[in-house]
Amino acid sequence: MPNITQDSGYQTVITTFETSPGNCQDLLEALQDALAAHISQQPGFVSAALHVNDAQTRIANYSQWARREDFLAMLRSDDMRETNRRLNALCRSFEPVLYEVAATFGRG
C-alpha cells in the first residue's frame, strides 16, 4: 500500500492511461496482471495503486520505487517492453512521469 509522505525517500511515478469505456476493464486487468506477475517482483518496487475515473476513460497508476534507477531498469526489461506493447493496444496513450512528494495534507 502506498505511503505518501515527503520524507519517505521513495521515487514516485504516476502513469496516466487514456482509454475508452469499452477497453477500460481489459486495460485494468492487464495492468493488474503486470503488477502481480512482473512489476511488483522487480528490485526496488515498493507499492502501487490503480485508480479508474467514473467515465472509465482514464486509469492512473501511482507507484513508488526505492530509487529512480530501479524504475528505469524495470522499464528497460524485456518483460516490461512486451507488456507495454499489450497495454498500448488497449489505450490511446499512456505516460509515466516521475515525481517527488512536495507536500501532504490530511486528517488523522
PDB file of N, CA and C in Angstrom:
ATOM      1  N   MET A   1       0.845  -1.164   0.000  1.00  0.00           N
ATOM      2  CA  MET A   1       0.000   0.000   0.000  1.00  0.00           C
ATOM      3  C   MET A   1       0.900   1.239   0.000  1.00  0.00           C
ATOM      4  N   PRO A   2       0.615   2.210  -0.859  1.00  0.00           N
ATOM      5  CA  PRO A   2       1.441   3.423  -0.901  1.00  0.00           C
ATOM      6  C   PRO A   2       1.445   4.173   0.419  1.00  0.00           C
ATOM      7  N   ASN A   3       2.602   4.678   0.761  1.00  0.00           N
ATOM      8  CA  ASN A   3       2.774   5.512   1.939  1.00  0.00           C
ATOM      9  C   ASN A   3       3.259   6.862   1.418  1.00  0.00           C
ATOM     10  N   ILE A   4       2.363   7.822   1.349  1.00  0.00           N
ATOM     11  CA  ILE A   4       2.678   9.101   0.713  1.00  0.00           C
ATOM     12  C   ILE A   4       3.098  10.110   1.770  1.00  0.00           C
ATOM     13  N   THR A   5       4.413  10.317   1.868  1.00  0.00           N
ATOM     14  CA  THR A   5       4.965  11.304   2.794  1.00  0.00           C
ATOM     15  C   THR A   5       6.144  11.996   2.118  1.00  0.00           C
ATOM     16  N   GLN A   6       6.410  13.216   2.549  1.00  0.00           N
ATOM     17  CA  GLN A   6       7.531  13.965   1.978  1.00  0.00           C
ATOM     18  C   GLN A   6       8.872  13.317   2.272  1.00  0.00           C
ATOM     19  N   ASP A   7       8.991  12.692   3.413  1.00  0.00           N
ATOM     20  CA  ASP A   7      10.290  12.174   3.837  1.00  0.00           C
ATOM     21  C   ASP A   7      10.460  10.671   3.606  1.00  0.00           C
ATOM     22  N   SER A   8       9.626  10.071   2.750  1.00  0.00           N
ATOM     23  CA  SER A   8       9.725   8.621   2.529  1.00  0.00           C
ATOM     24  C   SER A   8      11.029   8.248   1.831  1.00  0.00           C
ATOM     25  N   GLY A   9      11.553   9.155   1.008  1.00  0.00           N
ATOM     26  CA  GLY A   9      12.752   8.843   0.243  1.00  0.00           C
ATOM     27  C   GLY A   9      12.469   8.053  -1.019  1.00  0.00           C
ATOM     28  N   TYR A  10      11.217   7.726  -1.280  1.00  0.00           N
ATOM     29  CA  TYR A  10      10.860   6.941  -2.450  1.00  0.00           C
ATOM     30  C   TYR A  10      10.746   7.805  -3.695  1.00  0.00           C
ATOM     31  N   GLN A  11      10.951   7.167  -4.832  1.00  0.00           N
ATOM     32  CA  GLN A  11      10.684   7.793  -6.124  1.00  0.00           C
ATOM     33  C   GLN A  11       9.231   7.493  -6.465  1.00  0.00           C
ATOM     34  N   THR A  12       8.460   8.510  -6.753  1.00  0.00           N
ATOM     35  CA  THR A  12       7.050   8.347  -7.101  1.00  0.00           C
ATOM     36  C   THR A  12       6.884   8.426  -8.609  1.00  0.00           C
ATOM     37  N   VAL A  13       6.084   7.511  -9.158  1.00  0.00           N
ATOM     38  CA  VAL A  13       5.772   7.526 -10.580  1.00  0.00           C
ATOM     39  C   VAL A  13       4.256   7.507 -10.720  1.00  0.00           C
ATOM     40  N   ILE A  14       3.731   8.484 -11.458  1.00  0.00           N
ATOM     41  CA  ILE A  14       2.302   8.497 -11.763  1.00  0.00           C
ATOM     42  C   ILE A  14       2.169   8.327 -13.272  1.00  0.00           C
ATOM     43  N   THR A  15       1.489   7.253 -13.657  1.00  0.00           N
ATOM     44  CA  THR A  15       1.273   6.963 -15.072  1.00  0.00           C
ATOM     45  C   THR A  15      -0.213   7.103 -15.361  1.00  0.00           C
ATOM     46  N   THR A  16      -0.536   7.907 -16.357  1.00  0.00           N
ATOM     47  CA  THR A  16      -1.923   8.114 -16.748  1.00  0.00           C
ATOM     48  C   THR A  16      -2.168   7.429 -18.085  1.00  0.00           C
ATOM     49  N   PHE A  17      -3.198   6.604 -18.127  1.00  0.00           N
ATOM     50  CA  PHE A  17      -3.586   5.886 -19.335  1.00  0.00           C
ATOM     51  C   PHE A  17      -4.894   6.486 -19.842  1.00  0.00           C
ATOM     52  N   GLU A  18      -4.942   6.868 -21.109  1.00  0.00           N
ATOM     53  CA  GLU A  18      -6.172   7.343 -21.718  1.00  0.00           C
ATOM     54  C   GLU A  18      -6.757   6.181 -22.508  1.00  0.00           C
ATOM     55  N   THR A  19      -8.002   5.814 -22.207  1.00  0.00           N
ATOM     56  CA  THR A  19      -8.620   4.644 -22.816  1.00  0.00           C
ATOM     57  C   THR A  19     -10.076   4.934 -23.156  1.00  0.00           C
ATOM     58  N   SER A  20     -10.827   3.921 -23.489  1.00  0.00           N
ATOM     59  CA  SER A  20     -12.254   4.071 -23.777  1.00  0.00           C
ATOM     60  C   SER A  20     -13.024   3.188 -22.799  1.00  0.00           C
ATOM     61  N   PRO A  21     -14.305   3.499 -22.569  1.00  0.00           N
ATOM     62  CA  PRO A  21     -15.097   2.650 -21.668  1.00  0.00           C
ATOM     63  C   PRO A  21     -15.093   1.178 -22.105  1.00  0.00           C
ATOM     64  N   GLY A  22     -15.052   0.935 -23.410  1.00  0.00           N
ATOM     65  CA  GLY A  22     -15.041  -0.438 -23.914  1.00  0.00           C
ATOM     66  C   GLY A  22     -13.759  -1.193 -23.616  1.00  0.00           C
ATOM     67  N   ASN A  23     -12.649  -0.486 -23.443  1.00  0.00           N
ATOM     68  CA  ASN A  23     -11.359  -1.124 -23.173  1.00  0.00           C
ATOM     69  C   ASN A  23     -10.912  -0.986 -21.723  1.00  0.00           C
ATOM     70  N   CYS A  24     -11.625  -0.210 -20.937  1.00  0.00           N
ATOM     71  CA  CYS A  24     -11.166   0.097 -19.577  1.00  0.00           C
ATOM     72  C   CYS A  24     -10.950  -1.153 -18.735  1.00  0.00           C
ATOM     73  N   GLN A  25     -11.911  -2.050 -18.698  1.00  0.00           N
ATOM     74  CA  GLN A  25     -11.784  -3.237 -17.860  1.00  0.00           C
ATOM     75  C   GLN A  25     -10.645  -4.137 -18.343  1.00  0.00           C
ATOM     76  N   ASP A  26     -10.500  -4.278 -19.654  1.00  0.00           N
ATOM     77  CA  ASP A  26      -9.393  -5.087 -20.182  1.00  0.00           C
ATOM     78  C   ASP A  26      -8.046  -4.475 -19.823  1.00  0.00           C
ATOM     79  N   LEU A  27      -7.948  -3.151 -19.924  1.00  0.00           N
ATOM     80  CA  LEU A  27      -6.711  -2.466 -19.568  1.00  0.00           C
ATOM     81  C   LEU A  27      -6.434  -2.606 -18.080  1.00  0.00           C
ATOM     82  N   LEU A  28      -7.460  -2.441 -17.259  1.00  0.00           N
ATOM     83  CA  LEU A  28      -7.292  -2.583 -15.812  1.00  0.00           C
ATOM     84  C   LEU A  28      -6.794  -3.984 -15.463  1.00  0.00           C
ATOM     85  N   GLU A  29      -7.377  -5.007 -16.077  1.00  0.00           N
ATOM     86  CA  GLU A  29      -6.942  -6.384 -15.825  1.00  0.00           C
ATOM     87  C   GLU A  29      -5.512  -6.610 -16.300  1.00  0.00           C
ATOM     88  N   ALA A  30      -5.147  -6.042 -17.442  1.00  0.00           N
ATOM     89  CA  ALA A  30      -3.776  -6.186 -17.943  1.00  0.00           C
ATOM     90  C   ALA A  30      -2.788  -5.516 -16.991  1.00  0.00           C
ATOM     91  N   LEU A  31      -3.159  -4.359 -16.458  1.00  0.00           N
ATOM     92  CA  LEU A  31      -2.292  -3.667 -15.500  1.00  0.00           C
ATOM     93  C   LEU A  31      -2.161  -4.463 -14.206  1.00  0.00           C
ATOM     94  N   GLN A  32      -3.265  -5.007 -13.723  1.00  0.00           N
ATOM     95  CA  GLN A  32      -3.220  -5.824 -12.508  1.00  0.00           C
ATOM     96  C   GLN A  32      -2.336  -7.050 -12.719  1.00  0.00           C
ATOM     97  N   ASP A  33      -2.476  -7.690 -13.870  1.00  0.00           N
ATOM     98  CA  ASP A  33      -1.644  -8.861 -14.177  1.00  0.00           C
ATOM     99  C   ASP A  33      -0.165  -8.485 -14.218  1.00  0.00           C
ATOM    100  N   ALA A  34       0.145  -7.361 -14.883  1.00  0.00           N
ATOM    101  CA  ALA A  34       1.544  -6.929 -14.991  1.00  0.00           C
ATOM    102  C   ALA A  34       2.118  -6.588 -13.625  1.00  0.00           C
ATOM    103  N   LEU A  35       1.333  -5.936 -12.797  1.00  0.00           N
ATOM    104  CA  LEU A  35       1.810  -5.598 -11.457  1.00  0.00           C
ATOM    105  C   LEU A  35       2.054  -6.847 -10.629  1.00  0.00           C
ATOM    106  N   ALA A  36       1.145  -7.800 -10.694  1.00  0.00           N
ATOM    107  CA  ALA A  36       1.285  -9.019  -9.893  1.00  0.00           C
ATOM    108  C   ALA A  36       2.406  -9.923 -10.391  1.00  0.00           C
ATOM    109  N   ALA A  37       2.501 -10.089 -11.702  1.00  0.00           N
ATOM    110  CA  ALA A  37       3.430 -11.067 -12.267  1.00  0.00           C
ATOM    111  C   ALA A  37       4.842 -10.540 -12.467  1.00  0.00           C
ATOM    112  N   HIS A  38       4.980  -9.257 -12.750  1.00  0.00           N
ATOM    113  CA  HIS A  38       6.303  -8.774 -13.134  1.00  0.00           C
ATOM    114  C   HIS A  38       6.751  -7.541 -12.342  1.00  0.00           C
ATOM    115  N   ILE A  39       5.981  -6.494 -12.419  1.00  0.00           N
ATOM    116  CA  ILE A  39       6.433  -5.208 -11.872  1.00  0.00           C
ATOM    117  C   ILE A  39       6.708  -5.292 -10.379  1.00  0.00           C
ATOM    118  N   SER A  40       5.786  -5.878  -9.617  1.00  0.00           N
ATOM    119  CA  SER A  40       5.966  -5.927  -8.159  1.00  0.00           C
ATOM    120  C   SER A  40       7.119  -6.830  -7.728  1.00  0.00           C
ATOM    121  N   GLN A  41       7.636  -7.636  -8.646  1.00  0.00           N
ATOM    122  CA  GLN A  41       8.747  -8.535  -8.336  1.00  0.00           C
ATOM    123  C   GLN A  41      10.114  -7.906  -8.606  1.00  0.00           C
ATOM    124  N   GLN A  42      10.131  -6.712  -9.161  1.00  0.00           N
ATOM    125  CA  GLN A  42      11.384  -6.069  -9.550  1.00  0.00           C
ATOM    126  C   GLN A  42      12.101  -5.453  -8.360  1.00  0.00           C
ATOM    127  N   PRO A  43      13.430  -5.450  -8.393  1.00  0.00           N
ATOM    128  CA  PRO A  43      14.185  -4.811  -7.319  1.00  0.00           C
ATOM    129  C   PRO A  43      13.784  -3.340  -7.181  1.00  0.00           C
ATOM    130  N   GLY A  44      13.583  -2.907  -5.952  1.00  0.00           N
ATOM    131  CA  GLY A  44      13.265  -1.514  -5.686  1.00  0.00           C
ATOM    132  C   GLY A  44      11.788  -1.182  -5.699  1.00  0.00           C
ATOM    133  N   PHE A  45      10.932  -2.129  -6.133  1.00  0.00           N
ATOM    134  CA  PHE A  45       9.493  -1.857  -6.112  1.00  0.00           C
ATOM    135  C   PHE A  45       9.031  -1.758  -4.669  1.00  0.00           C
ATOM    136  N   VAL A  46       8.224  -0.730  -4.374  1.00  0.00           N
ATOM    137  CA  VAL A  46       7.698  -0.549  -3.020  1.00  0.00           C
ATOM    138  C   VAL A  46       6.193  -0.797  -2.985  1.00  0.00           C
ATOM    139  N   SER A  47       5.440  -0.105  -3.829  1.00  0.00           N
ATOM    140  CA  SER A  47       3.989  -0.248  -3.806  1.00  0.00           C
ATOM    141  C   SER A  47       3.385   0.367  -5.058  1.00  0.00           C
ATOM    142  N   ALA A  48       2.091   0.069  -5.271  1.00  0.00           N
ATOM    143  CA  ALA A  48       1.371   0.660  -6.394  1.00  0.00           C
ATOM    144  C   ALA A  48      -0.119   0.680  -6.076  1.00  0.00           C
ATOM    145  N   ALA A  49      -0.816   1.574  -6.742  1.00  0.00           N
ATOM    146  CA  ALA A  49      -2.277   1.659  -6.635  1.00  0.00           C
ATOM    147  C   ALA A  49      -2.820   2.047  -7.999  1.00  0.00           C
ATOM    148  N   LEU A  50      -3.963   1.477  -8.350  1.00  0.00           N
ATOM    149  CA  LEU A  50      -4.624   1.796  -9.614  1.00  0.00           C
ATOM    150  C   LEU A  50      -5.909   2.557  -9.325  1.00  0.00           C
ATOM    151  N   HIS A  51      -6.168   3.570 -10.125  1.00  0.00           N
ATOM    152  CA  HIS A  51      -7.358   4.409  -9.968  1.00  0.00           C
ATOM    153  C   HIS A  51      -8.059   4.499 -11.324  1.00  0.00           C
ATOM    154  N   VAL A  52      -9.403   4.396 -11.330  1.00  0.00           N
ATOM    155  CA  VAL A  52     -10.192   4.499 -12.551  1.00  0.00           C
ATOM    156  C   VAL A  52     -11.188   5.645 -12.376  1.00  0.00           C
ATOM    157  N   ASN A  53     -11.296   6.519 -13.385  1.00  0.00           N
ATOM    158  CA  ASN A  53     -12.268   7.602 -13.285  1.00  0.00           C
ATOM    159  C   ASN A  53     -13.682   7.085 -13.547  1.00  0.00           C
ATOM    160  N   ASP A  54     -14.686   7.880 -13.160  1.00  0.00           N
ATOM    161  CA  ASP A  54     -16.079   7.460 -13.283  1.00  0.00           C
ATOM    162  C   ASP A  54     -16.483   7.150 -14.719  1.00  0.00           C
ATOM    163  N   ALA A  55     -15.964   7.893 -15.673  1.00  0.00           N
ATOM    164  CA  ALA A  55     -16.326   7.700 -17.080  1.00  0.00           C
ATOM    165  C   ALA A  55     -15.615   6.504 -17.708  1.00  0.00           C
ATOM    166  N   GLN A  56     -14.688   5.898 -16.985  1.00  0.00           N
ATOM    167  CA  GLN A  56     -13.882   4.777 -17.468  1.00  0.00           C
ATOM    168  C   GLN A  56     -13.112   5.140 -18.733  1.00  0.00           C
ATOM    169  N   THR A  57     -12.583   6.359 -18.749  1.00  0.00           N
ATOM    170  CA  THR A  57     -11.766   6.814 -19.872  1.00  0.00           C
ATOM    171  C   THR A  57     -10.324   7.065 -19.462  1.00  0.00           C
ATOM    172  N   ARG A  58     -10.040   6.979 -18.177  1.00  0.00           N
ATOM    173  CA  ARG A  58      -8.676   7.175 -17.685  1.00  0.00           C
ATOM    174  C   ARG A  58      -8.387   6.225 -16.525  1.00  0.00           C
ATOM    175  N   ILE A  59      -7.178   5.722 -16.539  1.00  0.00           N
ATOM    176  CA  ILE A  59      -6.668   4.936 -15.416  1.00  0.00           C
ATOM    177  C   ILE A  59      -5.367   5.603 -14.986  1.00  0.00           C
ATOM    178  N   ALA A  60      -5.215   5.788 -13.691  1.00  0.00           N
ATOM    179  CA  ALA A  60      -3.968   6.331 -13.153  1.00  0.00           C
ATOM    180  C   ALA A  60      -3.312   5.250 -12.301  1.00  0.00           C
ATOM    181  N   ASN A  61      -2.026   5.092 -12.483  1.00  0.00           N
ATOM    182  CA  ASN A  61      -1.238   4.160 -11.691  1.00  0.00           C
ATOM    183  C   ASN A  61      -0.261   4.985 -10.865  1.00  0.00           C
ATOM    184  N   TYR A  62      -0.367   4.881  -9.551  1.00  0.00           N
ATOM    185  CA  TYR A  62       0.553   5.544  -8.631  1.00  0.00           C
ATOM    186  C   TYR A  62       1.485   4.468  -8.107  1.00  0.00           C
ATOM    187  N   SER A  63       2.779   4.604  -8.367  1.00  0.00           N
ATOM    188  CA  SER A  63       3.716   3.608  -7.859  1.00  0.00           C
ATOM    189  C   SER A  63       4.886   4.278  -7.163  1.00  0.00           C
ATOM    190  N   GLN A  64       5.479   3.524  -6.253  1.00  0.00           N
ATOM    191  CA  GLN A  64       6.636   4.008  -5.508  1.00  0.00           C
ATOM    192  C   GLN A  64       7.788   3.020  -5.666  1.00  0.00           C
ATOM    193  N   TRP A  65       8.962   3.602  -5.802  1.00  0.00           N
ATOM    194  CA  TRP A  65      10.177   2.832  -6.021  1.00  0.00           C
ATOM    195  C   TRP A  65      11.250   3.317  -5.061  1.00  0.00           C
ATOM    196  N   ALA A  66      12.128   2.408  -4.671  1.00  0.00           N
ATOM    197  CA  ALA A  66      13.210   2.784  -3.762  1.00  0.00           C
ATOM    198  C   ALA A  66      14.103   3.851  -4.397  1.00  0.00           C
ATOM    199  N   ARG A  67      14.375   3.680  -5.691  1.00  0.00           N
ATOM    200  CA  ARG A  67      15.240   4.630  -6.394  1.00  0.00           C
ATOM    201  C   ARG A  67      14.747   4.816  -7.823  1.00  0.00           C
ATOM    202  N   ARG A  68      15.043   5.935  -8.382  1.00  0.00           N
ATOM    203  CA  ARG A  68      14.710   6.234  -9.780  1.00  0.00           C
ATOM    204  C   ARG A  68      15.301   5.163 -10.703  1.00  0.00           C
ATOM    205  N   GLU A  69      16.528   4.754 -10.426  1.00  0.00           N
ATOM    206  CA  GLU A  69      17.222   3.769 -11.253  1.00  0.00           C
ATOM    207  C   GLU A  69      16.491   2.424 -11.278  1.00  0.00           C
ATOM    208  N   ASP A  70      15.847   2.066 -10.156  1.00  0.00           N
ATOM    209  CA  ASP A  70      15.089   0.812 -10.106  1.00  0.00           C
ATOM    210  C   ASP A  70      13.908   0.863 -11.075  1.00  0.00           C
ATOM    211  N   PHE A  71      13.196   1.983 -11.087  1.00  0.00           N
ATOM    212  CA  PHE A  71      12.073   2.138 -12.003  1.00  0.00           C
ATOM    213  C   PHE A  71      12.547   2.089 -13.453  1.00  0.00           C
ATOM    214  N   LEU A  72      13.613   2.801 -13.754  1.00  0.00           N
ATOM    215  CA  LEU A  72      14.119   2.835 -15.128  1.00  0.00           C
ATOM    216  C   LEU A  72      14.603   1.460 -15.580  1.00  0.00           C
ATOM    217  N   ALA A  73      15.222   0.699 -14.691  1.00  0.00           N
ATOM    218  CA  ALA A  73      15.665  -0.662 -15.033  1.00  0.00           C
ATOM    219  C   ALA A  73      14.462  -1.555 -15.328  1.00  0.00           C
ATOM    220  N   MET A  74      13.378  -1.413 -14.559  1.00  0.00           N
ATOM    221  CA  MET A  74      12.177  -2.192 -14.816  1.00  0.00           C
ATOM    222  C   MET A  74      11.613  -1.860 -16.195  1.00  0.00           C
ATOM    223  N   LEU A  75      11.581  -0.580 -16.552  1.00  0.00           N
ATOM    224  CA  LEU A  75      11.067  -0.175 -17.865  1.00  0.00           C
ATOM    225  C   LEU A  75      11.860  -0.789 -19.008  1.00  0.00           C
ATOM    226  N   ARG A  76      13.148  -0.973 -18.816  1.00  0.00           N
ATOM    227  CA  ARG A  76      14.026  -1.487 -19.874  1.00  0.00           C
ATOM    228  C   ARG A  76      14.013  -3.007 -19.993  1.00  0.00           C
ATOM    229  N   SER A  77      13.377  -3.676 -19.039  1.00  0.00           N
ATOM    230  CA  SER A  77      13.394  -5.145 -19.063  1.00  0.00           C
ATOM    231  C   SER A  77      12.586  -5.676 -20.251  1.00  0.00           C
ATOM    232  N   ASP A  78      12.955  -6.847 -20.732  1.00  0.00           N
ATOM    233  CA  ASP A  78      12.247  -7.463 -21.856  1.00  0.00           C
ATOM    234  C   ASP A  78      10.778  -7.704 -21.530  1.00  0.00           C
ATOM    235  N   ASP A  79      10.496  -8.168 -20.304  1.00  0.00           N
ATOM    236  CA  ASP A  79       9.104  -8.408 -19.903  1.00  0.00           C
ATOM    237  C   ASP A  79       8.284  -7.129 -19.966  1.00  0.00           C
ATOM    238  N   MET A  80       8.854  -6.030 -19.505  1.00  0.00           N
ATOM    239  CA  MET A  80       8.091  -4.780 -19.490  1.00  0.00           C
ATOM    240  C   MET A  80       7.919  -4.217 -20.890  1.00  0.00           C
ATOM    241  N   ARG A  81       8.892  -4.396 -21.742  1.00  0.00           N
ATOM    242  CA  ARG A  81       8.738  -3.942 -23.132  1.00  0.00           C
ATOM    243  C   ARG A  81       7.579  -4.667 -23.806  1.00  0.00           C
ATOM    244  N   GLU A  82       7.482  -5.967 -23.583  1.00  0.00           N
ATOM    245  CA  GLU A  82       6.368  -6.745 -24.138  1.00  0.00           C
ATOM    246  C   GLU A  82       5.047  -6.321 -23.499  1.00  0.00           C
ATOM    247  N   THR A  83       5.053  -6.108 -22.201  1.00  0.00           N
ATOM    248  CA  THR A  83       3.849  -5.649 -21.506  1.00  0.00           C
ATOM    249  C   THR A  83       3.388  -4.304 -22.049  1.00  0.00           C
ATOM    250  N   ASN A  84       4.313  -3.392 -22.266  1.00  0.00           N
ATOM    251  CA  ASN A  84       3.942  -2.074 -22.781  1.00  0.00           C
ATOM    252  C   ASN A  84       3.316  -2.153 -24.168  1.00  0.00           C
ATOM    253  N   ARG A  85       3.742  -3.118 -24.985  1.00  0.00           N
ATOM    254  CA  ARG A  85       3.103  -3.294 -26.291  1.00  0.00           C
ATOM    255  C   ARG A  85       1.635  -3.719 -26.126  1.00  0.00           C
ATOM    256  N   ARG A  86       1.374  -4.612 -25.176  1.00  0.00           N
ATOM    257  CA  ARG A  86      -0.006  -5.050 -24.924  1.00  0.00           C
ATOM    258  C   ARG A  86      -0.846  -3.899 -24.361  1.00  0.00           C
ATOM    259  N   LEU A  87      -0.275  -3.146 -23.436  1.00  0.00           N
ATOM    260  CA  LEU A  87      -1.004  -2.017 -22.844  1.00  0.00           C
ATOM    261  C   LEU A  87      -1.313  -0.962 -23.897  1.00  0.00           C
ATOM    262  N   ASN A  88      -0.352  -0.712 -24.762  1.00  0.00           N
ATOM    263  CA  ASN A  88      -0.523   0.296 -25.813  1.00  0.00           C
ATOM    264  C   ASN A  88      -1.699  -0.047 -26.738  1.00  0.00           C
ATOM    265  N   ALA A  89      -1.940  -1.338 -26.948  1.00  0.00           N
ATOM    266  CA  ALA A  89      -3.046  -1.760 -27.807  1.00  0.00           C
ATOM    267  C   ALA A  89      -4.410  -1.509 -27.150  1.00  0.00           C
ATOM    268  N   LEU A  90      -4.433  -1.319 -25.832  1.00  0.00           N
ATOM    269  CA  LEU A  90      -5.686  -1.133 -25.106  1.00  0.00           C
ATOM    270  C   LEU A  90      -5.978   0.319 -24.743  1.00  0.00           C
ATOM    271  N   CYS A  91      -5.099   1.223 -25.146  1.00  0.00           N
ATOM    272  CA  CYS A  91      -5.320   2.627 -24.781  1.00  0.00           C
ATOM    273  C   CYS A  91      -4.860   3.549 -25.900  1.00  0.00           C
ATOM    274  N   ARG A  92      -5.322   4.793 -25.826  1.00  0.00           N
ATOM    275  CA  ARG A  92      -4.908   5.798 -26.813  1.00  0.00           C
ATOM    276  C   ARG A  92      -3.489   6.265 -26.530  1.00  0.00           C
ATOM    277  N   SER A  93      -3.182   6.407 -25.241  1.00  0.00           N
ATOM    278  CA  SER A  93      -1.843   6.851 -24.858  1.00  0.00           C
ATOM    279  C   SER A  93      -1.622   6.556 -23.383  1.00  0.00           C
ATOM    280  N   PHE A  94      -0.346   6.503 -23.016  1.00  0.00           N
ATOM    281  CA  PHE A  94       0.000   6.468 -21.592  1.00  0.00           C
ATOM    282  C   PHE A  94       1.356   7.111 -21.405  1.00  0.00           C
ATOM    283  N   GLU A  95       1.518   7.706 -20.234  1.00  0.00           N
ATOM    284  CA  GLU A  95       2.752   8.441 -19.967  1.00  0.00           C
ATOM    285  C   GLU A  95       3.139   8.311 -18.499  1.00  0.00           C
ATOM    286  N   PRO A  96       4.282   7.663 -18.225  1.00  0.00           N
ATOM    287  CA  PRO A  96       4.793   7.636 -16.857  1.00  0.00           C
ATOM    288  C   PRO A  96       5.602   8.911 -16.585  1.00  0.00           C
ATOM    289  N   VAL A  97       5.348   9.528 -15.431  1.00  0.00           N
ATOM    290  CA  VAL A  97       6.065  10.744 -15.048  1.00  0.00           C
ATOM    291  C   VAL A  97       6.586  10.550 -13.627  1.00  0.00           C
ATOM    292  N   LEU A  98       7.869  10.847 -13.429  1.00  0.00           N
ATOM    293  CA  LEU A  98       8.489  10.715 -12.121  1.00  0.00           C
ATOM    294  C   LEU A  98       8.292  11.996 -11.320  1.00  0.00           C
ATOM    295  N   TYR A  99       7.931  11.840 -10.035  1.00  0.00           N
ATOM    296  CA  TYR A  99       7.650  12.965  -9.146  1.00  0.00           C
ATOM    297  C   TYR A  99       8.356  12.785  -7.816  1.00  0.00           C
ATOM    298  N   GLU A 100       8.508  13.897  -7.106  1.00  0.00           N
ATOM    299  CA  GLU A 100       8.868  13.879  -5.695  1.00  0.00           C
ATOM    300  C   GLU A 100       7.687  14.446  -4.933  1.00  0.00           C
ATOM    301  N   VAL A 101       7.367  13.876  -3.783  1.00  0.00           N
ATOM    302  CA  VAL A 101       6.267  14.388  -2.972  1.00  0.00           C
ATOM    303  C   VAL A 101       6.685  15.742  -2.414  1.00  0.00           C
ATOM    304  N   ALA A 102       5.930  16.784  -2.753  1.00  0.00           N
ATOM    305  CA  ALA A 102       6.247  18.135  -2.306  1.00  0.00           C
ATOM    306  C   ALA A 102       5.574  18.483  -0.993  1.00  0.00           C
ATOM    307  N   ALA A 103       4.373  17.969  -0.776  1.00  0.00           N
ATOM    308  CA  ALA A 103       3.637  18.244   0.455  1.00  0.00           C
ATOM    309  C   ALA A 103       2.501  17.246   0.568  1.00  0.00           C
ATOM    310  N   THR A 104       2.090  16.959   1.799  1.00  0.00           N
ATOM    311  CA  THR A 104       0.934  16.119   2.040  1.00  0.00           C
ATOM    312  C   THR A 104       0.036  16.791   3.061  1.00  0.00           C
ATOM    313  N   PHE A 105      -1.255  16.496   2.987  1.00  0.00           N
ATOM    314  CA  PHE A 105      -2.240  17.070   3.899  1.00  0.00           C
ATOM    315  C   PHE A 105      -3.253  15.986   4.218  1.00  0.00           C
ATOM    316  N   GLY A 106      -3.815  16.010   5.385  1.00  0.00           N
ATOM    317  CA  GLY A 106      -4.840  15.031   5.736  1.00  0.00           C
ATOM    318  C   GLY A 106      -5.223  15.125   7.188  1.00  0.00           C
ATOM    319  N   ARG A 107      -6.222  14.387   7.512  1.00  0.00           N
ATOM    320  CA  ARG A 107      -6.695  14.295   8.898  1.00  0.00           C
ATOM    321  C   ARG A 107      -6.305  12.941   9.464  1.00  0.00           C
ATOM    322  N   GLY A 108      -5.855  12.958  10.664  1.00  0.00           N
ATOM    323  CA  GLY A 108      -5.586  11.700  11.376  1.00  0.00           C
ATOM    324  C   GLY A 108      -4.518  10.958  10.827  1.00  0.00           C
TER     325      GLY A 108
END
